Amino acid sequence: MILVNTDYISGKKIETLSLVKGSTIQSKHVGKDIMSSFKTIVGGELTAYNQMMNEARAIATRRMVEEATALGADGVVNIRYSSSAIMQSAAEVIAYGTAVKFV
């Protein structure tokens, strides 16, 4: 499966199949949330949240690829990510793109 954020795949003729997406909602446990809130006083990177968002993007991407695979796709083009806060300490991440088949 080829994944790109362009609307083409170099050297390949493609046929559009469908929009595909994957999403997840992630949160950190209370202990890490409290530690991160202390970090906001002095500033710096919130590594627990950075890790949470990286994991969420990986899960959303995997789910998008699973949906594309079920359609018989060879790749996904024009991949985009979106995230939003659902509640304090929880975020939704969505990965979406266009599933394509090589012609």
N, C-alpha and C. Protein backbone atom coordinates (compact mmCIF):
# COMPACT_ATOMS: atom_id res chain seq x y z
N MET A 1 0.86 -1.17 0.00
CA MET A 1 0.00 0.00 0.00
C MET A 1 0.91 1.23 0.00
N ILE A 2 0.70 2.08 -0.99
CA ILE A 2 1.46 3.33 -1.08
C ILE A 2 0.61 4.46 -0.51
N LEU A 3 1.20 5.23 0.39
CA LEU A 3 0.50 6.34 1.04
C LEU A 3 1.26 7.62 0.71
N VAL A 4 0.57 8.60 0.12
CA VAL A 4 1.20 9.88 -0.22
C VAL A 4 0.26 11.04 0.10
N ASN A 5 0.85 12.22 0.28
CA ASN A 5 0.01 13.39 0.51
C ASN A 5 -0.11 14.25 -0.75
N THR A 6 0.26 13.69 -1.89
CA THR A 6 0.06 14.34 -3.18
C THR A 6 -1.16 13.73 -3.84
N ASP A 7 -1.63 14.34 -4.94
CA ASP A 7 -2.82 13.80 -5.60
C ASP A 7 -2.46 12.83 -6.72
N TYR A 8 -1.22 12.37 -6.73
CA TYR A 8 -0.76 11.39 -7.73
C TYR A 8 0.33 10.53 -7.10
N ILE A 9 0.65 9.44 -7.77
CA ILE A 9 1.78 8.58 -7.38
C ILE A 9 2.70 8.53 -8.59
N SER A 10 3.91 8.99 -8.44
CA SER A 10 4.86 9.08 -9.56
C SER A 10 4.96 7.76 -10.31
N GLY A 11 4.84 7.85 -11.63
CA GLY A 11 5.00 6.69 -12.49
C GLY A 11 3.81 5.74 -12.53
N LYS A 12 2.72 6.09 -11.89
CA LYS A 12 1.55 5.20 -11.84
C LYS A 12 0.33 5.91 -12.41
N LYS A 13 -0.44 5.19 -13.22
CA LYS A 13 -1.76 5.66 -13.63
C LYS A 13 -2.73 5.12 -12.59
N ILE A 14 -3.59 5.99 -12.09
CA ILE A 14 -4.48 5.56 -11.00
C ILE A 14 -5.94 5.80 -11.35
N GLU A 15 -6.75 4.97 -10.74
CA GLU A 15 -8.21 5.09 -10.83
C GLU A 15 -8.73 5.34 -9.43
N THR A 16 -9.55 6.35 -9.26
CA THR A 16 -10.10 6.70 -7.95
C THR A 16 -11.16 5.68 -7.54
N LEU A 17 -11.06 5.23 -6.30
CA LEU A 17 -12.06 4.29 -5.76
C LEU A 17 -13.04 5.00 -4.84
N SER A 18 -12.52 5.60 -3.77
CA SER A 18 -13.43 6.19 -2.78
C SER A 18 -12.63 6.97 -1.73
N LEU A 19 -13.33 7.84 -1.03
CA LEU A 19 -12.76 8.48 0.15
C LEU A 19 -12.62 7.41 1.23
N VAL A 20 -11.50 7.40 1.91
CA VAL A 20 -11.29 6.49 3.04
C VAL A 20 -10.84 7.30 4.24
N LYS A 21 -11.17 6.82 5.42
CA LYS A 21 -10.79 7.54 6.63
C LYS A 21 -10.61 6.59 7.78
N GLY A 22 -9.91 7.08 8.77
CA GLY A 22 -9.73 6.35 10.02
C GLY A 22 -9.67 7.37 11.13
N SER A 23 -10.18 7.03 12.28
CA SER A 23 -10.16 7.99 13.39
C SER A 23 -10.00 7.26 14.72
N THR A 24 -9.61 8.04 15.71
CA THR A 24 -9.52 7.54 17.07
C THR A 24 -9.65 8.71 18.03
N ILE A 25 -10.08 8.42 19.23
CA ILE A 25 -10.10 9.40 20.30
C ILE A 25 -9.22 8.84 21.41
N GLN A 26 -8.24 9.63 21.80
CA GLN A 26 -7.26 9.19 22.80
C GLN A 26 -7.25 10.13 23.99
N SER A 27 -6.90 9.60 25.14
CA SER A 27 -6.70 10.44 26.32
C SER A 27 -5.55 9.87 27.13
N LYS A 28 -4.99 10.68 28.00
CA LYS A 28 -3.94 10.24 28.92
C LYS A 28 -4.56 10.01 30.28
N HIS A 29 -3.95 9.11 31.04
CA HIS A 29 -4.51 8.86 32.38
C HIS A 29 -4.23 10.05 33.30
N VAL A 30 -4.96 10.13 34.37
CA VAL A 30 -4.96 11.28 35.27
C VAL A 30 -3.56 11.63 35.76
N GLY A 31 -2.74 10.63 36.08
CA GLY A 31 -1.39 10.90 36.59
C GLY A 31 -0.56 11.70 35.59
N LYS A 32 -0.57 11.29 34.34
CA LYS A 32 0.20 12.01 33.32
C LYS A 32 -0.43 13.37 33.04
N ASP A 33 -1.74 13.46 33.16
CA ASP A 33 -2.42 14.73 32.94
C ASP A 33 -2.01 15.74 34.02
N ILE A 34 -1.95 15.29 35.25
CA ILE A 34 -1.54 16.18 36.36
C ILE A 34 -0.09 16.61 36.17
N MET A 35 0.78 15.69 35.80
CA MET A 35 2.19 16.03 35.57
C MET A 35 2.32 17.03 34.43
N SER A 36 1.53 16.86 33.40
CA SER A 36 1.58 17.80 32.27
C SER A 36 1.08 19.18 32.67
N SER A 37 0.08 19.22 33.55
CA SER A 37 -0.42 20.53 33.97
C SER A 37 0.64 21.28 34.77
N PHE A 38 1.47 20.58 35.54
CA PHE A 38 2.58 21.24 36.24
C PHE A 38 3.59 21.77 35.23
N LYS A 39 3.80 21.04 34.15
CA LYS A 39 4.76 21.46 33.13
C LYS A 39 4.35 22.77 32.47
N THR A 40 3.04 23.04 32.41
CA THR A 40 2.60 24.28 31.78
C THR A 40 3.01 25.51 32.59
N ILE A 41 3.31 25.33 33.86
CA ILE A 41 3.74 26.46 34.70
C ILE A 41 5.13 26.93 34.28
N VAL A 42 6.03 25.99 34.03
CA VAL A 42 7.41 26.34 33.69
C VAL A 42 7.67 26.35 32.19
N GLY A 43 6.76 25.78 31.42
CA GLY A 43 6.92 25.74 29.96
C GLY A 43 7.69 24.51 29.51
N GLY A 44 7.67 24.28 28.21
CA GLY A 44 8.39 23.15 27.62
C GLY A 44 7.44 22.18 26.95
N GLU A 45 8.04 21.17 26.36
CA GLU A 45 7.27 20.18 25.61
C GLU A 45 6.51 19.26 26.55
N LEU A 46 5.27 18.99 26.21
CA LEU A 46 4.45 18.05 26.96
C LEU A 46 4.61 16.68 26.31
N THR A 47 5.64 15.97 26.71
CA THR A 47 6.00 14.72 26.03
C THR A 47 4.90 13.66 26.11
N ALA A 48 4.17 13.62 27.21
CA ALA A 48 3.09 12.63 27.32
C ALA A 48 2.02 12.88 26.26
N TYR A 49 1.70 14.15 26.01
CA TYR A 49 0.70 14.48 25.00
C TYR A 49 1.26 14.31 23.59
N ASN A 50 2.53 14.61 23.42
CA ASN A 50 3.17 14.38 22.13
C ASN A 50 3.10 12.90 21.77
N GLN A 51 3.42 12.05 22.73
CA GLN A 51 3.35 10.60 22.53
C GLN A 51 1.91 10.17 22.23
N MET A 52 0.95 10.72 22.97
CA MET A 52 -0.45 10.38 22.75
C MET A 52 -0.88 10.72 21.33
N MET A 53 -0.50 11.91 20.85
CA MET A 53 -0.89 12.32 19.49
C MET A 53 -0.20 11.48 18.43
N ASN A 54 1.06 11.12 18.64
CA ASN A 54 1.76 10.24 17.69
C ASN A 54 1.07 8.88 17.61
N GLU A 55 0.69 8.33 18.76
CA GLU A 55 -0.02 7.05 18.78
C GLU A 55 -1.38 7.19 18.09
N ALA A 56 -2.07 8.28 18.33
CA ALA A 56 -3.38 8.50 17.72
C ALA A 56 -3.27 8.60 16.20
N ARG A 57 -2.26 9.32 15.69
CA ARG A 57 -2.07 9.41 14.24
C ARG A 57 -1.78 8.04 13.63
N ALA A 58 -0.97 7.23 14.34
CA ALA A 58 -0.65 5.89 13.84
C ALA A 58 -1.91 5.02 13.79
N ILE A 59 -2.73 5.08 14.81
CA ILE A 59 -3.98 4.29 14.83
C ILE A 59 -4.92 4.75 13.73
N ALA A 60 -5.09 6.07 13.59
CA ALA A 60 -5.99 6.60 12.56
C ALA A 60 -5.49 6.21 11.16
N THR A 61 -4.19 6.27 10.94
CA THR A 61 -3.62 5.88 9.65
C THR A 61 -3.86 4.41 9.38
N ARG A 62 -3.63 3.57 10.38
CA ARG A 62 -3.84 2.13 10.21
C ARG A 62 -5.30 1.83 9.86
N ARG A 63 -6.22 2.50 10.51
CA ARG A 63 -7.65 2.27 10.23
C ARG A 63 -8.02 2.75 8.83
N MET A 64 -7.42 3.86 8.38
CA MET A 64 -7.66 4.34 7.02
C MET A 64 -7.14 3.31 6.01
N VAL A 65 -5.95 2.77 6.25
CA VAL A 65 -5.36 1.78 5.35
C VAL A 65 -6.22 0.51 5.34
N GLU A 66 -6.73 0.10 6.48
CA GLU A 66 -7.61 -1.08 6.53
C GLU A 66 -8.85 -0.87 5.67
N GLU A 67 -9.42 0.33 5.72
CA GLU A 67 -10.60 0.63 4.90
C GLU A 67 -10.24 0.60 3.42
N ALA A 68 -9.08 1.14 3.07
CA ALA A 68 -8.63 1.14 1.67
C ALA A 68 -8.35 -0.28 1.19
N THR A 69 -7.75 -1.08 2.04
CA THR A 69 -7.45 -2.48 1.69
C THR A 69 -8.73 -3.25 1.43
N ALA A 70 -9.76 -3.01 2.23
CA ALA A 70 -11.05 -3.68 2.04
C ALA A 70 -11.67 -3.33 0.69
N LEU A 71 -11.32 -2.17 0.14
CA LEU A 71 -11.83 -1.77 -1.18
C LEU A 71 -10.97 -2.31 -2.32
N GLY A 72 -9.86 -2.95 -1.98
CA GLY A 72 -8.95 -3.46 -3.00
C GLY A 72 -7.99 -2.39 -3.53
N ALA A 73 -7.75 -1.35 -2.75
CA ALA A 73 -6.90 -0.24 -3.18
C ALA A 73 -5.43 -0.64 -3.19
N ASP A 74 -4.68 0.01 -4.08
CA ASP A 74 -3.23 -0.15 -4.13
C ASP A 74 -2.52 0.98 -3.39
N GLY A 75 -3.25 2.06 -3.13
CA GLY A 75 -2.66 3.20 -2.45
C GLY A 75 -3.72 4.17 -1.99
N VAL A 76 -3.25 5.17 -1.23
CA VAL A 76 -4.12 6.26 -0.79
C VAL A 76 -3.37 7.55 -1.11
N VAL A 77 -4.03 8.44 -1.85
CA VAL A 77 -3.43 9.71 -2.22
C VAL A 77 -4.10 10.85 -1.46
N ASN A 78 -3.41 11.99 -1.46
CA ASN A 78 -3.93 13.22 -0.87
C ASN A 78 -4.32 13.03 0.60
N ILE A 79 -3.46 12.34 1.36
CA ILE A 79 -3.73 12.05 2.77
C ILE A 79 -3.63 13.34 3.59
N ARG A 80 -4.59 13.51 4.47
CA ARG A 80 -4.63 14.65 5.37
C ARG A 80 -4.95 14.16 6.78
N TYR A 81 -4.54 14.96 7.75
CA TYR A 81 -4.84 14.67 9.15
C TYR A 81 -5.56 15.87 9.75
N SER A 82 -6.44 15.59 10.67
CA SER A 82 -7.15 16.64 11.39
C SER A 82 -7.26 16.19 12.85
N SER A 83 -7.17 17.13 13.75
CA SER A 83 -7.34 16.79 15.16
C SER A 83 -8.18 17.85 15.84
N SER A 84 -8.85 17.45 16.89
CA SER A 84 -9.65 18.39 17.67
C SER A 84 -9.75 17.89 19.10
N ALA A 85 -9.90 18.83 20.01
CA ALA A 85 -10.08 18.50 21.42
C ALA A 85 -11.52 18.05 21.62
N ILE A 86 -11.70 16.94 22.27
CA ILE A 86 -13.04 16.41 22.56
C ILE A 86 -13.46 16.87 23.95
N MET A 87 -12.53 16.80 24.87
CA MET A 87 -12.71 17.26 26.24
C MET A 87 -11.32 17.46 26.81
N GLN A 88 -11.21 17.97 28.01
CA GLN A 88 -9.89 18.15 28.59
C GLN A 88 -9.16 16.82 28.62
N SER A 89 -7.94 16.77 28.12
CA SER A 89 -7.08 15.58 28.10
C SER A 89 -7.46 14.56 27.05
N ALA A 90 -8.39 14.85 26.16
CA ALA A 90 -8.77 13.90 25.12
C ALA A 90 -8.82 14.60 23.78
N ALA A 91 -8.31 13.91 22.76
CA ALA A 91 -8.28 14.48 21.41
C ALA A 91 -8.70 13.43 20.39
N GLU A 92 -9.38 13.90 19.36
CA GLU A 92 -9.74 13.05 18.23
C GLU A 92 -8.77 13.35 17.10
N VAL A 93 -8.29 12.29 16.45
CA VAL A 93 -7.45 12.44 15.27
C VAL A 93 -8.13 11.68 14.14
N ILE A 94 -8.22 12.34 12.98
CA ILE A 94 -8.80 11.74 11.79
C ILE A 94 -7.76 11.76 10.69
N ALA A 95 -7.58 10.63 10.02
CA ALA A 95 -6.75 10.54 8.82
C ALA A 95 -7.69 10.24 7.68
N TYR A 96 -7.54 10.96 6.54
CA TYR A 96 -8.41 10.70 5.41
C TYR A 96 -7.67 10.94 4.10
N GLY A 97 -8.13 10.28 3.07
CA GLY A 97 -7.53 10.42 1.76
C GLY A 97 -8.40 9.72 0.72
N THR A 98 -7.86 9.62 -0.49
CA THR A 98 -8.58 8.97 -1.58
C THR A 98 -7.93 7.64 -1.91
N ALA A 99 -8.69 6.57 -1.79
CA ALA A 99 -8.20 5.24 -2.16
C ALA A 99 -8.13 5.14 -3.68
N VAL A 100 -7.02 4.58 -4.18
CA VAL A 100 -6.84 4.46 -5.63
C VAL A 100 -6.36 3.06 -5.98
N LYS A 101 -6.61 2.69 -7.22
CA LYS A 101 -6.16 1.41 -7.77
C LYS A 101 -5.30 1.74 -8.98
N PHE A 102 -4.21 0.97 -9.15
CA PHE A 102 -3.36 1.17 -10.32
C PHE A 102 -4.04 0.61 -11.56
N VAL A 103 -3.94 1.34 -12.66
CA VAL A 103 -4.55 0.92 -13.91
C VAL A 103 -3.51 0.23 -14.77
